[in-house]
């Protein structure tokens, strides 16, 4: 819907969500302009009521950044990703450690989804995808991945 609206109203337009006006940016160049060239102007997040329910309003994506917390978390996350993106993989088939973690977990996820599909015929893939994403993070942070049935990992995923 937003894409269709951008074709009609242009790459920058405003909509109303409840009582709050929201500016919508559409297109690579417009988003690049806002986030890179005018990053300071677009650094904060709105203080939406629903954001308080997501990790008590303290998540990386939904923080209002009143004390610079969002910026510090983003800087830390970007630094970690950059490190893994420049660290060599364990074999030449991967360009970096991050690619290796993502590819190996992706292969496991496809096998897992195929296996569940063969047994059930249909299912909600959400849980499997979330666990795979958590496994990529665990691989980078702890140097290992966990089984999709590992209770400790599932407990951490469910808590967050």
Protein backbone atom coordinates (compact mmCIF):
# COMPACT_ATOMS: atom_id res chain seq x y z
CA UNK A 1 0.00 0.00 0.00
CA UNK A 2 2.81 2.41 0.86
CA UNK A 3 4.55 1.64 -2.44
CA UNK A 4 1.36 2.37 -4.35
CA UNK A 5 0.94 5.60 -2.41
CA UNK A 6 4.53 6.62 -3.21
CA UNK A 7 3.80 6.19 -6.92
CA UNK A 8 0.91 8.59 -6.56
CA UNK A 9 2.29 11.12 -4.00
CA UNK A 10 6.06 10.90 -4.53
CA UNK A 11 8.98 9.62 -2.51
CA UNK A 12 8.17 11.67 0.62
CA UNK A 13 4.63 11.92 1.96
CA UNK A 14 2.75 11.97 5.22
CA UNK A 15 0.06 9.62 6.49
CA UNK A 16 -1.90 9.49 9.72
CA UNK A 17 -1.55 6.45 12.03
CA UNK A 18 -4.15 6.91 14.70
CA UNK A 19 -3.64 10.44 15.98
CA UNK A 20 0.03 10.58 14.94
CA UNK A 21 1.28 12.02 11.64
CA UNK A 22 3.97 9.78 10.08
CA UNK A 23 6.36 10.74 7.29
CA UNK A 24 6.95 7.94 4.78
CA UNK A 25 10.16 7.79 2.74
CA UNK A 26 10.23 5.65 -0.38
CA UNK A 27 13.02 4.72 -2.75
CA UNK A 28 16.73 4.05 -2.31
CA UNK A 29 17.91 7.58 -2.98
CA UNK A 30 15.37 9.19 -0.64
CA UNK A 31 16.15 6.77 2.20
CA UNK A 32 19.91 7.20 1.62
CA UNK A 33 19.48 10.97 1.77
CA UNK A 34 17.57 10.74 5.06
CA UNK A 35 19.66 8.12 6.87
CA UNK A 36 23.16 8.88 5.60
CA UNK A 37 23.32 12.49 4.48
CA UNK A 38 20.87 13.77 7.11
CA UNK A 39 21.36 11.03 9.71
CA UNK A 40 21.24 13.39 12.71
CA UNK A 41 17.82 14.71 11.68
CA UNK A 42 16.38 11.19 11.34
CA UNK A 43 18.20 9.46 14.24
CA UNK A 44 15.34 9.28 16.77
CA UNK A 45 12.25 7.11 16.92
CA UNK A 46 8.70 8.20 17.71
CA UNK A 47 7.42 7.54 21.21
CA UNK A 48 4.57 5.25 20.16
CA UNK A 49 2.50 3.57 22.85
CA UNK A 50 2.87 0.15 21.22
CA UNK A 51 6.70 0.38 21.36
CA UNK A 52 6.51 0.12 25.15
CA UNK A 53 5.40 -3.50 24.74
CA UNK A 54 8.49 -4.46 22.74
CA UNK A 55 11.29 -5.20 25.21
CA UNK A 56 9.93 -2.50 27.56
CA UNK A 57 10.65 0.13 24.90
CA UNK A 58 14.39 -0.52 25.11
CA UNK A 59 15.01 -2.52 21.93
CA UNK A 60 17.51 -1.56 19.26
CA UNK A 61 14.79 -0.98 16.68
CA UNK A 62 12.15 0.65 18.88
CA UNK A 63 14.05 2.83 21.35
CA UNK A 64 13.14 6.52 21.40
CA UNK A 65 16.84 7.27 22.04
CA UNK A 66 16.25 9.99 24.61
CA UNK A 67 19.62 9.27 26.24
CA UNK A 68 21.59 8.14 23.18
CA UNK A 69 21.05 4.45 24.02
CA UNK A 70 19.86 3.56 20.53
CA UNK A 71 22.90 5.18 18.94
CA UNK A 72 25.30 3.34 21.30
CA UNK A 73 23.62 -0.03 20.64
CA UNK A 74 23.63 0.57 16.91
CA UNK A 75 27.32 1.50 16.99
CA UNK A 76 28.13 -1.67 18.94
CA UNK A 77 26.09 -3.87 16.58
CA UNK A 78 27.64 -2.29 13.48
CA UNK A 79 31.14 -2.75 14.90
CA UNK A 80 30.49 -6.44 15.58
CA UNK A 81 29.01 -7.01 12.12
CA UNK A 82 31.91 -5.20 10.49
CA UNK A 83 34.37 -7.39 12.40
CA UNK A 84 32.70 -10.59 11.24
CA UNK A 85 32.34 -9.25 7.71
CA UNK A 86 36.12 -8.71 7.49
CA UNK A 87 37.19 -11.87 9.38
CA UNK A 88 38.06 -14.69 6.99
CA UNK A 89 35.86 -17.78 6.90
CA UNK A 90 37.26 -21.17 7.88
CA UNK A 91 37.28 -22.36 4.25
CA UNK A 92 37.86 -20.52 0.94
CA UNK A 93 34.24 -21.05 -0.19
CA UNK A 94 33.13 -18.27 2.20
CA UNK A 95 34.26 -14.68 1.79
CA UNK A 96 34.01 -13.96 5.52
CA UNK A 97 33.01 -15.42 8.89
CA UNK A 98 29.59 -13.73 8.79
CA UNK A 99 28.78 -15.29 5.42
CA UNK A 100 29.88 -18.68 6.75
CA UNK A 101 27.60 -18.44 9.81
CA UNK A 102 24.64 -17.29 7.71
CA UNK A 103 25.12 -19.88 4.93
CA UNK A 104 25.57 -22.82 7.27
CA UNK A 105 22.55 -21.84 9.34
CA UNK A 106 20.56 -21.25 6.15
CA UNK A 107 21.38 -24.78 4.96
CA UNK A 108 20.31 -26.19 8.32
CA UNK A 109 17.09 -24.12 8.24
CA UNK A 110 16.15 -25.45 4.77
CA UNK A 111 16.69 -29.04 5.98
CA UNK A 112 14.65 -28.33 9.12
CA UNK A 113 11.77 -26.76 7.16
CA UNK A 114 11.79 -29.63 4.65
CA UNK A 115 11.71 -32.18 7.47
CA UNK A 116 8.82 -30.46 9.27
CA UNK A 117 6.94 -30.05 5.98
CA UNK A 118 7.32 -33.78 5.22
CA UNK A 119 5.87 -34.65 8.64
CA UNK A 120 3.18 -31.99 9.00
CA UNK A 121 2.33 -30.91 5.47
CA UNK A 122 1.95 -27.31 6.61
CA UNK A 123 3.27 -25.25 9.50
CA UNK A 124 4.17 -21.74 10.64
CA UNK A 125 7.88 -21.17 9.88
CA UNK A 126 8.20 -18.20 12.26
CA UNK A 127 9.70 -20.14 15.19
CA UNK A 128 12.24 -21.90 12.97
CA UNK A 129 13.36 -18.65 11.35
CA UNK A 130 13.70 -16.86 14.70
CA UNK A 131 15.78 -19.72 16.10
CA UNK A 132 18.01 -19.67 13.00
CA UNK A 133 18.58 -15.92 13.37
CA UNK A 134 19.38 -16.47 17.06
CA UNK A 135 21.81 -19.21 16.04
CA UNK A 136 23.69 -16.85 13.72
CA UNK A 137 24.02 -14.41 16.61
CA UNK A 138 25.08 -17.23 18.98
CA UNK A 139 27.64 -18.36 16.42
CA UNK A 140 29.18 -14.90 16.35
CA UNK A 141 28.94 -14.25 20.10
CA UNK A 142 29.65 -17.69 21.57
CA UNK A 143 31.39 -19.50 18.72
CA UNK A 144 28.77 -22.25 18.44
CA UNK A 145 25.27 -22.96 17.19
CA UNK A 146 22.52 -24.76 19.06
CA UNK A 147 20.01 -27.41 18.04
CA UNK A 148 16.58 -26.02 17.18
CA UNK A 149 15.27 -28.14 20.08
CA UNK A 150 17.82 -26.88 22.63
CA UNK A 151 15.79 -25.77 25.64
CA UNK A 152 18.30 -23.12 26.74
CA UNK A 153 18.24 -21.44 23.33
CA UNK A 154 14.44 -21.70 23.08
CA UNK A 155 14.17 -20.17 26.56
CA UNK A 156 16.36 -17.22 25.53
CA UNK A 157 14.42 -16.73 22.30
CA UNK A 158 11.08 -16.87 24.13
CA UNK A 159 12.25 -14.38 26.78
CA UNK A 160 13.33 -11.84 24.18
